[in-house]
Amino acid sequence: MRIAIKDVRVQDAETISNIYAISWKVAYKGIIPQRYLEELQNDFWVSAFQNWINNNILKVKQIYENDTPVGCISYGKSRDEKLPNWGEIVSIYLSMQIKLHLVQ
């Protein structure tokens, strides 16, 4: 297994949106109304990510396992105006398919 973390390009927005949608459908089951999750489209976040990447609003990294995208992280400056010198992790999403190996 080979794990790599790479900078995201605007062309990756569709893949990241798909990871978000799949993650939401699993992680928020029982928290967000099921009907909303069922109707959530895999391309829901494409335009948002294109905007964030193009306008340098958020930094986004994509996580790969053996050259297959399995997750992403987005981060940037704090969105709280009272904390101008702080940063924040906005989201971390990983596919449940990633294999975690523990070294003993």
N, C-alpha and C. Protein backbone atom coordinates (compact mmCIF):
# COMPACT_ATOMS: atom_id res chain seq x y z
N MET A 1 0.85 -1.18 0.00
CA MET A 1 0.00 0.00 0.00
C MET A 1 0.89 1.23 0.00
N ARG A 2 0.55 2.19 -0.86
CA ARG A 2 1.29 3.43 -0.96
C ARG A 2 0.31 4.59 -0.76
N ILE A 3 0.59 5.43 0.23
CA ILE A 3 -0.25 6.60 0.52
C ILE A 3 0.49 7.85 0.03
N ALA A 4 -0.22 8.73 -0.64
CA ALA A 4 0.35 10.00 -1.11
C ALA A 4 -0.64 11.12 -0.83
N ILE A 5 -0.11 12.29 -0.53
CA ILE A 5 -0.94 13.48 -0.33
C ILE A 5 -0.47 14.51 -1.35
N LYS A 6 -1.41 15.00 -2.15
CA LYS A 6 -1.07 15.90 -3.24
C LYS A 6 -1.93 17.17 -3.20
N ASP A 7 -1.36 18.25 -3.72
CA ASP A 7 -2.13 19.49 -3.88
C ASP A 7 -3.26 19.23 -4.87
N VAL A 8 -4.35 19.91 -4.67
CA VAL A 8 -5.52 19.76 -5.53
C VAL A 8 -5.47 20.82 -6.62
N ARG A 9 -5.94 20.43 -7.79
CA ARG A 9 -6.12 21.35 -8.90
C ARG A 9 -7.62 21.53 -9.11
N VAL A 10 -8.00 22.55 -9.82
CA VAL A 10 -9.42 22.80 -10.08
C VAL A 10 -10.06 21.57 -10.74
N GLN A 11 -9.31 20.86 -11.56
CA GLN A 11 -9.84 19.67 -12.25
C GLN A 11 -10.22 18.56 -11.26
N ASP A 12 -9.72 18.63 -10.02
CA ASP A 12 -10.01 17.60 -9.02
C ASP A 12 -11.31 17.86 -8.25
N ALA A 13 -11.98 18.98 -8.53
CA ALA A 13 -13.17 19.36 -7.75
C ALA A 13 -14.27 18.30 -7.81
N GLU A 14 -14.44 17.67 -8.94
CA GLU A 14 -15.49 16.65 -9.07
C GLU A 14 -15.18 15.43 -8.18
N THR A 15 -13.94 15.02 -8.17
CA THR A 15 -13.54 13.88 -7.34
C THR A 15 -13.72 14.20 -5.85
N ILE A 16 -13.32 15.39 -5.46
CA ILE A 16 -13.46 15.79 -4.06
C ILE A 16 -14.93 15.88 -3.67
N SER A 17 -15.74 16.45 -4.53
CA SER A 17 -17.17 16.53 -4.25
C SER A 17 -17.77 15.15 -4.06
N ASN A 18 -17.34 14.21 -4.86
CA ASN A 18 -17.81 12.83 -4.75
C ASN A 18 -17.41 12.24 -3.39
N ILE A 19 -16.18 12.46 -2.97
CA ILE A 19 -15.72 11.98 -1.66
C ILE A 19 -16.57 12.60 -0.55
N TYR A 20 -16.84 13.89 -0.65
CA TYR A 20 -17.69 14.55 0.34
C TYR A 20 -19.08 13.91 0.40
N ALA A 21 -19.70 13.75 -0.75
CA ALA A 21 -21.08 13.23 -0.79
C ALA A 21 -21.14 11.81 -0.21
N ILE A 22 -20.23 10.96 -0.61
CA ILE A 22 -20.22 9.60 -0.08
C ILE A 22 -19.99 9.62 1.43
N SER A 23 -19.07 10.45 1.88
CA SER A 23 -18.79 10.56 3.32
C SER A 23 -20.00 11.06 4.09
N TRP A 24 -20.66 12.07 3.57
CA TRP A 24 -21.85 12.61 4.24
C TRP A 24 -22.91 11.52 4.40
N LYS A 25 -23.12 10.74 3.36
CA LYS A 25 -24.18 9.72 3.39
C LYS A 25 -23.92 8.65 4.45
N VAL A 26 -22.66 8.45 4.80
CA VAL A 26 -22.32 7.48 5.84
C VAL A 26 -22.22 8.16 7.21
N ALA A 27 -21.44 9.23 7.27
CA ALA A 27 -21.13 9.86 8.56
C ALA A 27 -22.34 10.54 9.21
N TYR A 28 -23.23 11.08 8.41
CA TYR A 28 -24.33 11.86 8.97
C TYR A 28 -25.66 11.12 8.99
N LYS A 29 -25.61 9.81 8.71
CA LYS A 29 -26.83 9.00 8.77
C LYS A 29 -27.36 9.03 10.20
N GLY A 30 -28.64 9.35 10.34
CA GLY A 30 -29.25 9.45 11.66
C GLY A 30 -29.09 10.82 12.31
N ILE A 31 -28.28 11.68 11.68
CA ILE A 31 -28.07 13.04 12.20
C ILE A 31 -28.78 14.04 11.29
N ILE A 32 -28.57 13.89 10.00
CA ILE A 32 -29.23 14.73 8.99
C ILE A 32 -30.38 13.90 8.43
N PRO A 33 -31.51 14.52 8.12
CA PRO A 33 -32.64 13.74 7.58
C PRO A 33 -32.22 12.83 6.42
N GLN A 34 -32.66 11.59 6.48
CA GLN A 34 -32.29 10.59 5.49
C GLN A 34 -32.67 11.00 4.07
N ARG A 35 -33.81 11.64 3.94
CA ARG A 35 -34.24 12.07 2.60
C ARG A 35 -33.22 13.03 1.97
N TYR A 36 -32.71 13.96 2.80
CA TYR A 36 -31.70 14.90 2.29
C TYR A 36 -30.46 14.13 1.81
N LEU A 37 -30.01 13.16 2.61
CA LEU A 37 -28.83 12.38 2.25
C LEU A 37 -29.06 11.57 0.98
N GLU A 38 -30.25 11.01 0.84
CA GLU A 38 -30.56 10.22 -0.36
C GLU A 38 -30.58 11.09 -1.62
N GLU A 39 -31.00 12.33 -1.48
CA GLU A 39 -31.10 13.22 -2.63
C GLU A 39 -29.81 14.00 -2.89
N LEU A 40 -28.83 13.89 -1.99
CA LEU A 40 -27.56 14.61 -2.13
C LEU A 40 -26.81 14.10 -3.36
N GLN A 41 -26.55 14.99 -4.27
CA GLN A 41 -25.87 14.64 -5.52
C GLN A 41 -24.35 14.64 -5.31
N ASN A 42 -23.67 13.72 -5.99
CA ASN A 42 -22.22 13.63 -5.86
C ASN A 42 -21.50 14.88 -6.34
N ASP A 43 -22.12 15.67 -7.21
CA ASP A 43 -21.48 16.88 -7.72
C ASP A 43 -21.89 18.14 -6.95
N PHE A 44 -22.52 17.98 -5.81
CA PHE A 44 -23.05 19.10 -5.03
C PHE A 44 -21.99 20.16 -4.72
N TRP A 45 -20.76 19.76 -4.41
CA TRP A 45 -19.72 20.70 -3.97
C TRP A 45 -18.76 21.11 -5.09
N VAL A 46 -18.99 20.69 -6.32
CA VAL A 46 -18.05 20.98 -7.40
C VAL A 46 -17.81 22.48 -7.54
N SER A 47 -18.85 23.26 -7.69
CA SER A 47 -18.65 24.71 -7.91
C SER A 47 -18.04 25.38 -6.69
N ALA A 48 -18.38 24.91 -5.50
CA ALA A 48 -17.78 25.49 -4.29
C ALA A 48 -16.27 25.24 -4.28
N PHE A 49 -15.86 24.02 -4.57
CA PHE A 49 -14.43 23.72 -4.58
C PHE A 49 -13.71 24.46 -5.70
N GLN A 50 -14.34 24.58 -6.84
CA GLN A 50 -13.72 25.34 -7.92
C GLN A 50 -13.48 26.79 -7.48
N ASN A 51 -14.46 27.37 -6.81
CA ASN A 51 -14.32 28.74 -6.31
C ASN A 51 -13.23 28.83 -5.25
N TRP A 52 -13.25 27.94 -4.28
CA TRP A 52 -12.26 27.97 -3.19
C TRP A 52 -10.83 27.80 -3.71
N ILE A 53 -10.67 26.91 -4.67
CA ILE A 53 -9.33 26.67 -5.23
C ILE A 53 -8.90 27.83 -6.12
N ASN A 54 -9.77 28.26 -7.04
CA ASN A 54 -9.44 29.36 -7.96
C ASN A 54 -9.12 30.65 -7.22
N ASN A 55 -9.84 30.92 -6.16
CA ASN A 55 -9.69 32.19 -5.44
C ASN A 55 -8.84 32.06 -4.18
N ASN A 56 -8.17 30.93 -4.04
CA ASN A 56 -7.26 30.70 -2.92
C ASN A 56 -7.93 30.96 -1.56
N ILE A 57 -9.20 30.59 -1.46
CA ILE A 57 -9.95 30.76 -0.22
C ILE A 57 -9.58 29.65 0.76
N LEU A 58 -9.44 28.44 0.26
CA LEU A 58 -9.01 27.29 1.06
C LEU A 58 -7.88 26.58 0.34
N LYS A 59 -7.02 25.97 1.12
CA LYS A 59 -6.03 25.04 0.58
C LYS A 59 -6.67 23.67 0.65
N VAL A 60 -6.47 22.87 -0.35
CA VAL A 60 -7.06 21.53 -0.37
C VAL A 60 -5.98 20.53 -0.79
N LYS A 61 -5.93 19.45 -0.05
CA LYS A 61 -5.02 18.34 -0.37
C LYS A 61 -5.88 17.11 -0.60
N GLN A 62 -5.43 16.28 -1.52
CA GLN A 62 -6.14 15.04 -1.80
C GLN A 62 -5.25 13.87 -1.36
N ILE A 63 -5.87 12.87 -0.76
CA ILE A 63 -5.17 11.71 -0.24
C ILE A 63 -5.40 10.55 -1.19
N TYR A 64 -4.32 9.89 -1.57
CA TYR A 64 -4.38 8.78 -2.51
C TYR A 64 -3.85 7.51 -1.85
N GLU A 65 -4.49 6.40 -2.14
CA GLU A 65 -3.98 5.09 -1.79
C GLU A 65 -3.74 4.35 -3.10
N ASN A 66 -2.48 4.04 -3.37
CA ASN A 66 -2.13 3.37 -4.63
C ASN A 66 -2.72 4.09 -5.84
N ASP A 67 -2.56 5.40 -5.88
CA ASP A 67 -3.02 6.25 -6.99
C ASP A 67 -4.53 6.40 -7.11
N THR A 68 -5.28 5.92 -6.12
CA THR A 68 -6.73 6.07 -6.11
C THR A 68 -7.11 7.12 -5.06
N PRO A 69 -7.88 8.16 -5.43
CA PRO A 69 -8.28 9.16 -4.43
C PRO A 69 -9.17 8.53 -3.36
N VAL A 70 -8.78 8.70 -2.10
CA VAL A 70 -9.56 8.11 -1.00
C VAL A 70 -9.92 9.13 0.08
N GLY A 71 -9.49 10.37 -0.09
CA GLY A 71 -9.82 11.35 0.93
C GLY A 71 -9.33 12.73 0.56
N CYS A 72 -9.70 13.69 1.41
CA CYS A 72 -9.25 15.06 1.19
C CYS A 72 -9.31 15.84 2.50
N ILE A 73 -8.52 16.88 2.55
CA ILE A 73 -8.52 17.80 3.68
C ILE A 73 -8.55 19.22 3.13
N SER A 74 -9.34 20.08 3.74
CA SER A 74 -9.35 21.49 3.34
C SER A 74 -9.06 22.33 4.58
N TYR A 75 -8.28 23.38 4.39
CA TYR A 75 -7.86 24.22 5.51
C TYR A 75 -7.53 25.62 5.00
N GLY A 76 -7.41 26.54 5.92
CA GLY A 76 -7.08 27.90 5.53
C GLY A 76 -7.06 28.83 6.72
N LYS A 77 -7.09 30.10 6.42
CA LYS A 77 -7.13 31.11 7.48
C LYS A 77 -8.44 30.96 8.24
N SER A 78 -8.42 31.35 9.49
CA SER A 78 -9.64 31.30 10.30
C SER A 78 -10.74 32.12 9.64
N ARG A 79 -11.93 31.58 9.67
CA ARG A 79 -13.09 32.31 9.13
C ARG A 79 -13.66 33.24 10.19
N ASP A 80 -13.16 33.15 11.40
CA ASP A 80 -13.61 34.01 12.50
C ASP A 80 -12.80 35.31 12.45
N GLU A 81 -13.46 36.41 12.18
CA GLU A 81 -12.78 37.69 12.04
C GLU A 81 -12.04 38.11 13.30
N LYS A 82 -12.43 37.56 14.45
CA LYS A 82 -11.77 37.89 15.71
C LYS A 82 -10.44 37.15 15.88
N LEU A 83 -10.16 36.22 14.98
CA LEU A 83 -8.93 35.42 15.06
C LEU A 83 -8.15 35.51 13.74
N PRO A 84 -7.72 36.72 13.37
CA PRO A 84 -7.10 36.89 12.05
C PRO A 84 -5.76 36.18 11.88
N ASN A 85 -5.08 35.86 12.94
CA ASN A 85 -3.77 35.20 12.85
C ASN A 85 -3.85 33.70 13.08
N TRP A 86 -5.04 33.16 13.07
CA TRP A 86 -5.25 31.73 13.29
C TRP A 86 -5.62 31.06 11.98
N GLY A 87 -5.51 29.77 11.98
CA GLY A 87 -5.94 28.97 10.84
C GLY A 87 -6.93 27.92 11.32
N GLU A 88 -7.54 27.23 10.39
CA GLU A 88 -8.47 26.17 10.79
C GLU A 88 -8.52 25.07 9.74
N ILE A 89 -8.76 23.88 10.23
CA ILE A 89 -9.06 22.76 9.35
C ILE A 89 -10.57 22.81 9.15
N VAL A 90 -11.00 22.94 7.92
CA VAL A 90 -12.42 23.05 7.60
C VAL A 90 -13.05 21.67 7.53
N SER A 91 -12.34 20.72 6.91
CA SER A 91 -12.89 19.37 6.80
C SER A 91 -11.80 18.35 6.52
N ILE A 92 -12.08 17.15 6.96
CA ILE A 92 -11.27 15.98 6.63
C ILE A 92 -12.25 14.86 6.31
N TYR A 93 -12.14 14.30 5.12
CA TYR A 93 -13.00 13.18 4.74
C TYR A 93 -12.13 12.07 4.17
N LEU A 94 -12.38 10.85 4.63
CA LEU A 94 -11.67 9.67 4.14
C LEU A 94 -12.67 8.60 3.77
N SER A 95 -12.37 7.91 2.69
CA SER A 95 -13.20 6.78 2.30
C SER A 95 -13.01 5.66 3.31
N MET A 96 -14.07 4.97 3.62
CA MET A 96 -13.98 3.84 4.54
C MET A 96 -13.23 2.68 3.89
N GLN A 97 -12.96 2.77 2.62
CA GLN A 97 -12.28 1.70 1.92
C GLN A 97 -10.78 1.70 2.14
N ILE A 98 -10.24 2.80 2.67
CA ILE A 98 -8.80 2.87 2.88
C ILE A 98 -8.40 1.83 3.92
N LYS A 99 -7.32 1.15 3.67
CA LYS A 99 -6.84 0.12 4.57
C LYS A 99 -5.80 0.73 5.50
N LEU A 100 -6.07 0.64 6.79
CA LEU A 100 -5.12 1.15 7.77
C LEU A 100 -4.29 0.01 8.31
N HIS A 101 -3.01 0.17 8.28
CA HIS A 101 -2.11 -0.85 8.79
C HIS A 101 -1.37 -0.29 9.99
N LEU A 102 -1.39 -1.04 11.06
CA LEU A 102 -0.69 -0.64 12.26
C LEU A 102 0.66 -1.31 12.31
N VAL A 103 1.67 -0.55 12.62
CA VAL A 103 3.01 -1.11 12.76
C VAL A 103 3.19 -1.43 14.24
N GLN A 104 3.54 -2.68 14.51
CA GLN A 104 3.72 -3.09 15.90
C GLN A 104 5.16 -3.00 16.30
